[in-house]
């Protein structure tokens, strides 16, 4: 075999091996880690900060752009659907509950370029809160949580251990604790916990934001405490907007 032929064969082999290696790299799926859940417990304002809770996260220590924390995961395919079970002990109508939750979802949509939630939802009186395994439905229900002082709980299911910025949410489940009286605080004031107020906060977990516990962040929707009569969480504050836009895009 002459020298030119040997050189040509070597060149072909090198190119073939290189292409094969590139193909393997592109075919390999990123390591997302195991499917896990994060549980967010929304306490009544006079309850102490959980010992594991850190301070607020955010771009500026002085809070000029607000405060926020990210879960390290987000939805990779949007918009997402959600299911509402309106069964409740307070006699709230199906229409009131679905409108309050719909407005809460739309508040997040209005502050990013991504449509996060479908404009329609499903009402299912058999929908349940998933605590053991996900069923890949995003469900909002009323129920009795077995801990005092808990207004609501949100479980977010997803892959949280992958490469930085590559985490993926696959489901959220929200329960409004029936230890509290629910309703419209614009009408009933301090007699009720405002459903739209709390639903907006909990849906923030559902799209990738964590709780804030430092009182300097008390104006944020994602501040982890609430109480009877509060309505300010219905509307996103500075850090809430910065956080959701970091995840899903800015509104021009």
Protein backbone atom coordinates (compact mmCIF):
# COMPACT_ATOMS: atom_id res chain seq x y z
CA UNK A 1 0.00 0.00 0.00
CA UNK A 2 1.48 3.32 -1.03
CA UNK A 3 1.92 6.26 1.30
CA UNK A 4 -0.86 8.39 -0.24
CA UNK A 5 -3.40 5.56 0.07
CA UNK A 6 -2.49 4.95 3.71
CA UNK A 7 -2.87 8.66 4.49
CA UNK A 8 -6.28 8.76 2.80
CA UNK A 9 -7.53 5.73 4.76
CA UNK A 10 -6.31 7.26 8.06
CA UNK A 11 -8.10 10.51 7.23
CA UNK A 12 -11.37 8.67 6.52
CA UNK A 13 -11.11 6.72 9.79
CA UNK A 14 -10.46 9.86 11.83
CA UNK A 15 -13.42 11.67 10.27
CA UNK A 16 -15.70 8.66 10.84
CA UNK A 17 -14.68 8.32 14.49
CA UNK A 18 -15.15 12.05 15.06
CA UNK A 19 -18.64 12.04 13.54
CA UNK A 20 -19.58 9.00 15.64
CA UNK A 21 -18.36 10.70 18.81
CA UNK A 22 -20.36 13.84 18.04
CA UNK A 23 -23.45 11.75 17.35
CA UNK A 24 -23.10 10.02 20.72
CA UNK A 25 -22.76 13.37 22.51
CA UNK A 26 -25.89 14.77 20.88
CA UNK A 27 -27.87 11.57 21.40
CA UNK A 28 -27.10 11.40 25.12
CA UNK A 29 -29.86 12.91 27.24
CA UNK A 30 -28.78 15.28 30.01
CA UNK A 31 -28.77 13.80 33.51
CA UNK A 32 -31.85 15.24 35.20
CA UNK A 33 -31.51 13.23 38.38
CA UNK A 34 -34.46 11.46 40.08
CA UNK A 35 -38.04 12.66 40.07
CA UNK A 36 -38.56 14.44 43.38
CA UNK A 37 -41.01 16.70 45.18
CA UNK A 38 -40.62 19.97 47.05
CA UNK A 39 -43.27 20.82 49.64
CA UNK A 40 -44.09 24.48 50.34
CA UNK A 41 -46.08 25.16 53.49
CA UNK A 42 -47.81 28.53 53.70
CA UNK A 43 -48.10 29.55 57.35
CA UNK A 44 -50.30 32.03 59.08
CA UNK A 45 -48.42 35.27 59.76
CA UNK A 46 -48.00 34.79 63.52
CA UNK A 47 -46.17 31.48 63.07
CA UNK A 48 -42.38 31.50 63.40
CA UNK A 49 -40.10 31.14 60.40
CA UNK A 50 -39.26 27.48 59.68
CA UNK A 51 -35.69 26.71 60.86
CA UNK A 52 -34.65 25.61 57.36
CA UNK A 53 -35.83 28.80 55.67
CA UNK A 54 -33.21 31.22 54.43
CA UNK A 55 -33.50 34.93 53.76
CA UNK A 56 -34.83 36.43 50.56
CA UNK A 57 -32.97 35.99 47.31
CA UNK A 58 -32.75 38.66 44.67
CA UNK A 59 -30.56 40.81 42.49
CA UNK A 60 -30.04 43.68 44.96
CA UNK A 61 -29.44 43.64 48.69
CA UNK A 62 -31.29 46.94 49.03
CA UNK A 63 -34.37 45.56 47.31
CA UNK A 64 -34.58 48.19 44.59
CA UNK A 65 -35.64 45.47 42.17
CA UNK A 66 -37.45 43.43 44.78
CA UNK A 67 -36.73 40.03 46.23
CA UNK A 68 -37.25 36.56 44.84
CA UNK A 69 -35.99 32.97 44.97
CA UNK A 70 -36.00 30.41 42.17
CA UNK A 71 -36.54 26.67 42.58
CA UNK A 72 -33.86 25.81 40.03
CA UNK A 73 -36.52 24.30 37.77
CA UNK A 74 -39.25 25.49 35.44
CA UNK A 75 -41.76 24.22 32.91
CA UNK A 76 -40.12 23.28 29.62
CA UNK A 77 -43.38 23.10 27.70
CA UNK A 78 -46.03 25.77 28.19
CA UNK A 79 -48.84 26.62 28.61
CA UNK A 80 -49.79 24.12 31.30
CA UNK A 81 -53.27 22.96 32.22
CA UNK A 82 -54.80 22.81 35.68
CA UNK A 83 -57.71 21.05 37.36
CA UNK A 84 -59.93 22.54 40.07
CA UNK A 85 -61.97 20.57 42.59
CA UNK A 86 -64.38 23.17 44.04
CA UNK A 87 -65.64 20.95 46.89
CA UNK A 88 -65.40 23.03 50.07
CA UNK A 89 -67.02 23.33 53.52
CA UNK A 90 -67.64 27.10 53.30
CA UNK A 91 -70.43 26.98 50.75
CA UNK A 92 -68.37 28.80 48.13
CA UNK A 93 -69.81 28.47 44.66
CA UNK A 94 -68.06 26.73 41.81
CA UNK A 95 -68.16 30.02 39.89
CA UNK A 96 -66.45 32.00 42.66
CA UNK A 97 -63.68 29.44 43.15
CA UNK A 98 -62.88 28.97 39.48
CA UNK A 99 -62.86 32.70 38.80
CA UNK A 100 -60.53 33.41 41.75
CA UNK A 101 -58.05 30.74 40.63
CA UNK A 102 -58.30 31.77 36.98
CA UNK A 103 -57.49 35.39 37.87
CA UNK A 104 -54.54 34.19 39.93
CA UNK A 105 -53.14 32.25 36.99
CA UNK A 106 -53.68 35.18 34.64
CA UNK A 107 -51.71 37.48 36.95
CA UNK A 108 -48.58 35.41 36.32
CA UNK A 109 -49.30 35.24 32.58
CA UNK A 110 -49.63 39.02 32.39
CA UNK A 111 -46.10 39.55 33.67
CA UNK A 112 -44.07 37.44 31.26
CA UNK A 113 -43.90 36.91 27.52
CA UNK A 114 -44.65 33.20 27.96
CA UNK A 115 -48.23 32.04 28.30
CA UNK A 116 -47.78 29.90 31.40
CA UNK A 117 -51.35 28.68 31.86
CA UNK A 118 -54.06 27.76 29.40
CA UNK A 119 -56.97 30.19 29.35
CA UNK A 120 -59.28 27.29 30.14
CA UNK A 121 -59.28 24.84 33.03
CA UNK A 122 -60.98 21.61 34.02
CA UNK A 123 -63.42 21.21 36.90
CA UNK A 124 -63.25 17.73 38.42
CA UNK A 125 -64.98 16.94 41.72
CA UNK A 126 -62.85 13.80 42.07
CA UNK A 127 -59.50 15.58 41.68
CA UNK A 128 -57.16 14.93 44.59
CA UNK A 129 -53.95 16.24 46.10
CA UNK A 130 -51.01 13.97 45.19
CA UNK A 131 -48.56 13.39 48.03
CA UNK A 132 -46.96 10.03 47.19
CA UNK A 133 -46.71 9.80 43.42
CA UNK A 134 -47.57 12.33 40.69
CA UNK A 135 -50.41 11.74 38.25
CA UNK A 136 -49.17 14.54 35.94
CA UNK A 137 -52.24 16.67 36.53
CA UNK A 138 -51.93 20.08 38.19
CA UNK A 139 -54.68 19.99 40.78
CA UNK A 140 -56.08 22.60 43.17
CA UNK A 141 -58.30 21.30 45.97
CA UNK A 142 -59.56 22.04 49.47
CA UNK A 143 -58.58 19.71 52.30
CA UNK A 144 -57.66 19.36 55.97
CA UNK A 145 -53.90 19.57 56.52
CA UNK A 146 -52.74 17.88 59.72
CA UNK A 147 -50.72 20.78 61.12
CA UNK A 148 -51.90 23.91 62.88
CA UNK A 149 -51.43 27.34 61.36
CA UNK A 150 -51.09 26.14 57.77
CA UNK A 151 -53.13 28.11 55.24
CA UNK A 152 -52.15 26.18 52.12
CA UNK A 153 -49.62 23.66 50.85
CA UNK A 154 -48.11 23.30 47.37
CA UNK A 155 -46.21 20.23 46.23
CA UNK A 156 -44.03 20.72 43.17
CA UNK A 157 -42.89 17.57 41.38
CA UNK A 158 -39.90 17.66 39.08
CA UNK A 159 -36.25 17.05 38.31
CA UNK A 160 -34.17 19.35 40.49
CA UNK A 161 -30.68 17.81 40.44
CA UNK A 162 -29.67 18.22 36.82
CA UNK A 163 -27.21 20.71 35.43
CA UNK A 164 -27.66 24.28 36.59
CA UNK A 165 -30.63 25.88 34.88
CA UNK A 166 -31.83 22.58 33.43
CA UNK A 167 -34.32 21.58 36.13
CA UNK A 168 -37.81 20.69 34.97
CA UNK A 169 -41.20 20.94 36.70
CA UNK A 170 -43.66 18.21 35.73
CA UNK A 171 -46.56 18.76 38.14
CA UNK A 172 -47.84 20.88 41.00
CA UNK A 173 -50.61 20.15 43.49
CA UNK A 174 -52.16 22.78 45.76
CA UNK A 175 -54.36 22.29 48.82
CA UNK A 176 -56.21 25.09 50.61
CA UNK A 177 -56.54 24.13 54.28
CA UNK A 178 -60.15 23.94 55.47
CA UNK A 179 -59.10 24.87 59.02
CA UNK A 180 -59.51 28.42 57.72
CA UNK A 181 -62.63 30.16 56.41
CA UNK A 182 -62.20 31.00 52.71
CA UNK A 183 -63.83 33.65 50.58
CA UNK A 184 -63.50 37.14 49.09
CA UNK A 185 -61.75 39.49 51.52
CA UNK A 186 -62.86 42.50 49.48
CA UNK A 187 -66.38 41.66 50.64
CA UNK A 188 -65.88 39.94 54.00
CA UNK A 189 -62.63 41.52 55.16
CA UNK A 190 -60.92 39.83 58.10
CA UNK A 191 -63.61 37.19 58.35
CA UNK A 192 -61.98 35.12 55.58
CA UNK A 193 -58.69 34.15 53.97
CA UNK A 194 -58.84 35.54 50.45
CA UNK A 195 -58.78 32.68 47.93
CA UNK A 196 -57.37 34.69 45.02
CA UNK A 197 -54.64 36.09 47.27
CA UNK A 198 -53.41 32.65 48.33
CA UNK A 199 -53.94 30.99 44.94
CA UNK A 200 -51.68 33.57 43.29
CA UNK A 201 -48.91 32.80 45.78
CA UNK A 202 -49.27 29.02 45.43
CA UNK A 203 -49.31 29.16 41.62
CA UNK A 204 -46.02 31.04 41.89
CA UNK A 205 -44.54 27.85 43.33
CA UNK A 206 -46.15 25.93 40.50
CA UNK A 207 -44.19 27.89 37.91
CA UNK A 208 -40.82 27.93 39.66
CA UNK A 209 -40.59 30.46 42.51
CA UNK A 210 -39.80 29.67 46.15
CA UNK A 211 -40.96 31.22 49.42
CA UNK A 212 -39.46 34.33 51.01
CA UNK A 213 -39.42 34.65 54.81
CA UNK A 214 -37.47 37.80 55.60
CA UNK A 215 -39.80 40.68 56.47
CA UNK A 216 -37.99 43.02 54.05
CA UNK A 217 -39.73 40.98 51.35
CA UNK A 218 -43.17 41.21 52.95
CA UNK A 219 -44.71 43.07 50.00
CA UNK A 220 -43.86 40.29 47.56
CA UNK A 221 -46.52 37.82 46.47
CA UNK A 222 -44.04 35.02 47.29
CA UNK A 223 -43.65 36.15 50.92
CA UNK A 224 -44.35 32.95 52.84
CA UNK A 225 -46.88 34.25 55.36
CA UNK A 226 -50.46 35.47 55.07
CA UNK A 227 -53.51 35.99 57.22
CA UNK A 228 -57.19 36.80 57.28
CA UNK A 229 -58.23 39.75 55.12
CA UNK A 230 -55.00 40.03 53.11
CA UNK A 231 -55.36 40.76 49.38
CA UNK A 232 -52.00 42.29 48.34
CA UNK A 233 -50.68 38.97 47.00
CA UNK A 234 -53.28 39.09 44.23
CA UNK A 235 -50.96 41.46 42.35
CA UNK A 236 -47.29 40.68 41.70
CA UNK A 237 -44.73 42.95 43.31
CA UNK A 238 -41.24 43.97 42.12
CA UNK A 239 -39.30 40.79 42.89
CA UNK A 240 -42.12 38.51 41.76
CA UNK A 241 -42.01 40.15 38.34
CA UNK A 242 -38.21 40.01 38.10
CA UNK A 243 -38.22 36.34 39.11
CA UNK A 244 -40.90 35.17 36.71
CA UNK A 245 -39.30 37.12 33.86
CA UNK A 246 -35.92 35.58 34.61
CA UNK A 247 -37.53 32.19 34.12
CA UNK A 248 -39.85 32.84 31.19
CA UNK A 249 -39.02 36.17 29.55
CA UNK A 250 -39.58 39.88 30.01
CA UNK A 251 -42.62 41.86 28.97
CA UNK A 252 -41.64 44.68 26.61
